[in-house]
């Protein structure tokens, strides 16, 4: 179920000493909430979905490879690193 993260949500978190708000991948964060969080130093952390499809993994791997031109890292090492990061989350 989607949640709405409003300015009031941020204010309540701050008032109780909570400096981080974990939100789901489909939750809605209002512009006012984002602004209030920045002013108060409250970090809004978007939780990512746990299951990443094979196609999405390949897109991530390809994007990482593009950022390391010249073959500095082999595809197999990059695939292993991406797999470890995604599986750990």
C-alpha atoms as a PDB file:
ATOM      1  CA  UNK A   1       0.000   0.000   0.000  1.00  0.00           C
ATOM      2  CA  UNK A   2       1.334   3.423  -0.949  1.00  0.00           C
ATOM      3  CA  UNK A   3       1.982   5.933   1.806  1.00  0.00           C
ATOM      4  CA  UNK A   4       1.965   9.690   1.512  1.00  0.00           C
ATOM      5  CA  UNK A   5       4.978  11.333   3.120  1.00  0.00           C
ATOM      6  CA  UNK A   6       3.920  14.868   3.971  1.00  0.00           C
ATOM      7  CA  UNK A   7       5.542  17.816   5.685  1.00  0.00           C
ATOM      8  CA  UNK A   8       3.691  16.762   8.835  1.00  0.00           C
ATOM      9  CA  UNK A   9       5.286  13.300   8.624  1.00  0.00           C
ATOM     10  CA  UNK A  10       8.736  14.907   8.557  1.00  0.00           C
ATOM     11  CA  UNK A  11       7.882  17.271  11.421  1.00  0.00           C
ATOM     12  CA  UNK A  12       6.645  14.369  13.581  1.00  0.00           C
ATOM     13  CA  UNK A  13       9.797  12.371  12.870  1.00  0.00           C
ATOM     14  CA  UNK A  14      11.994  15.345  13.752  1.00  0.00           C
ATOM     15  CA  UNK A  15      10.025  16.073  16.943  1.00  0.00           C
ATOM     16  CA  UNK A  16      10.642  12.512  18.154  1.00  0.00           C
ATOM     17  CA  UNK A  17      14.359  12.668  17.319  1.00  0.00           C
ATOM     18  CA  UNK A  18      14.057  10.452  14.258  1.00  0.00           C
ATOM     19  CA  UNK A  19      16.544  11.722  11.671  1.00  0.00           C
ATOM     20  CA  UNK A  20      15.771   9.167   8.960  1.00  0.00           C
ATOM     21  CA  UNK A  21      12.504   8.183   7.315  1.00  0.00           C
ATOM     22  CA  UNK A  22      12.430   4.947   5.321  1.00  0.00           C
ATOM     23  CA  UNK A  23       9.919   5.037   2.476  1.00  0.00           C
ATOM     24  CA  UNK A  24       8.852   2.331   0.081  1.00  0.00           C
ATOM     25  CA  UNK A  25       9.551   2.362  -3.648  1.00  0.00           C
ATOM     26  CA  UNK A  26       5.962   3.380  -4.441  1.00  0.00           C
ATOM     27  CA  UNK A  27       5.406   5.867  -1.623  1.00  0.00           C
ATOM     28  CA  UNK A  28       4.708   9.486  -2.530  1.00  0.00           C
ATOM     29  CA  UNK A  29       6.866  12.256  -1.052  1.00  0.00           C
ATOM     30  CA  UNK A  30       5.429  15.754  -1.327  1.00  0.00           C
ATOM     31  CA  UNK A  31       7.639  18.667  -2.323  1.00  0.00           C
ATOM     32  CA  UNK A  32       6.888  20.259   1.051  1.00  0.00           C
ATOM     33  CA  UNK A  33       8.056  17.105   2.832  1.00  0.00           C
ATOM     34  CA  UNK A  34      11.290  17.082   0.844  1.00  0.00           C
ATOM     35  CA  UNK A  35      11.888  20.753   1.625  1.00  0.00           C
ATOM     36  CA  UNK A  36      11.136  20.308   5.338  1.00  0.00           C
ATOM     37  CA  UNK A  37      13.442  17.285   5.504  1.00  0.00           C
ATOM     38  CA  UNK A  38      16.293  19.274   3.971  1.00  0.00           C
ATOM     39  CA  UNK A  39      15.771  22.185   6.394  1.00  0.00           C
ATOM     40  CA  UNK A  40      15.564  19.914   9.448  1.00  0.00           C
ATOM     41  CA  UNK A  41      18.345  17.558   8.428  1.00  0.00           C
ATOM     42  CA  UNK A  42      16.014  14.567   8.199  1.00  0.00           C
ATOM     43  CA  UNK A  43      17.124  12.025   5.606  1.00  0.00           C
ATOM     44  CA  UNK A  44      14.438  10.434   3.455  1.00  0.00           C
ATOM     45  CA  UNK A  45      15.639   7.007   2.348  1.00  0.00           C
ATOM     46  CA  UNK A  46      13.789   5.219  -0.412  1.00  0.00           C
ATOM     47  CA  UNK A  47      13.818   1.458   0.094  1.00  0.00           C
ATOM     48  CA  UNK A  48      14.426  -0.348  -3.172  1.00  0.00           C
ATOM     49  CA  UNK A  49      12.585  -3.490  -4.282  1.00  0.00           C
ATOM     50  CA  UNK A  50      14.384  -6.664  -3.271  1.00  0.00           C
ATOM     51  CA  UNK A  51      13.845  -8.612  -6.469  1.00  0.00           C
ATOM     52  CA  UNK A  52      15.751  -7.326  -9.465  1.00  0.00           C
ATOM     53  CA  UNK A  53      15.007  -9.061 -12.740  1.00  0.00           C
ATOM     54  CA  UNK A  54      17.718 -10.616 -14.874  1.00  0.00           C
ATOM     55  CA  UNK A  55      17.154  -7.946 -17.549  1.00  0.00           C
ATOM     56  CA  UNK A  56      17.522  -5.157 -14.987  1.00  0.00           C
ATOM     57  CA  UNK A  57      20.728  -6.742 -13.639  1.00  0.00           C
ATOM     58  CA  UNK A  58      22.140  -6.755 -17.154  1.00  0.00           C
ATOM     59  CA  UNK A  59      21.231  -3.089 -17.626  1.00  0.00           C
ATOM     60  CA  UNK A  60      23.013  -2.237 -14.369  1.00  0.00           C
ATOM     61  CA  UNK A  61      26.074  -4.237 -15.389  1.00  0.00           C
ATOM     62  CA  UNK A  62      26.169  -2.563 -18.814  1.00  0.00           C
ATOM     63  CA  UNK A  63      25.844   0.887 -17.200  1.00  0.00           C
ATOM     64  CA  UNK A  64      28.736   0.159 -14.846  1.00  0.00           C
ATOM     65  CA  UNK A  65      30.905  -1.144 -17.706  1.00  0.00           C
ATOM     66  CA  UNK A  66      30.278   2.086 -19.638  1.00  0.00           C
ATOM     67  CA  UNK A  67      31.668   4.059 -16.703  1.00  0.00           C
ATOM     68  CA  UNK A  68      34.943   2.111 -16.716  1.00  0.00           C
ATOM     69  CA  UNK A  69      36.192   2.399 -20.286  1.00  0.00           C
ATOM     70  CA  UNK A  70      39.384   0.771 -21.423  1.00  0.00           C
ATOM     71  CA  UNK A  71      38.716  -2.643 -19.939  1.00  0.00           C
ATOM     72  CA  UNK A  72      40.056  -1.722 -16.496  1.00  0.00           C
ATOM     73  CA  UNK A  73      37.684  -4.282 -14.976  1.00  0.00           C
ATOM     74  CA  UNK A  74      36.541  -7.486 -16.648  1.00  0.00           C
ATOM     75  CA  UNK A  75      32.856  -8.076 -17.262  1.00  0.00           C
ATOM     76  CA  UNK A  76      32.931 -11.106 -14.964  1.00  0.00           C
ATOM     77  CA  UNK A  77      34.333  -9.044 -12.063  1.00  0.00           C
ATOM     78  CA  UNK A  78      31.708  -6.363 -12.594  1.00  0.00           C
ATOM     79  CA  UNK A  79      28.934  -8.977 -12.807  1.00  0.00           C
ATOM     80  CA  UNK A  80      30.147 -10.528  -9.554  1.00  0.00           C
ATOM     81  CA  UNK A  81      30.275  -7.159  -7.780  1.00  0.00           C
ATOM     82  CA  UNK A  82      26.800  -6.151  -8.976  1.00  0.00           C
ATOM     83  CA  UNK A  83      25.387  -9.533  -7.970  1.00  0.00           C
ATOM     84  CA  UNK A  84      26.934  -9.248  -4.481  1.00  0.00           C
ATOM     85  CA  UNK A  85      25.597  -5.726  -3.985  1.00  0.00           C
ATOM     86  CA  UNK A  86      22.080  -6.573  -5.152  1.00  0.00           C
ATOM     87  CA  UNK A  87      21.944  -9.802  -3.161  1.00  0.00           C
ATOM     88  CA  UNK A  88      23.147  -8.047  -0.004  1.00  0.00           C
ATOM     89  CA  UNK A  89      20.373  -5.449  -0.126  1.00  0.00           C
END
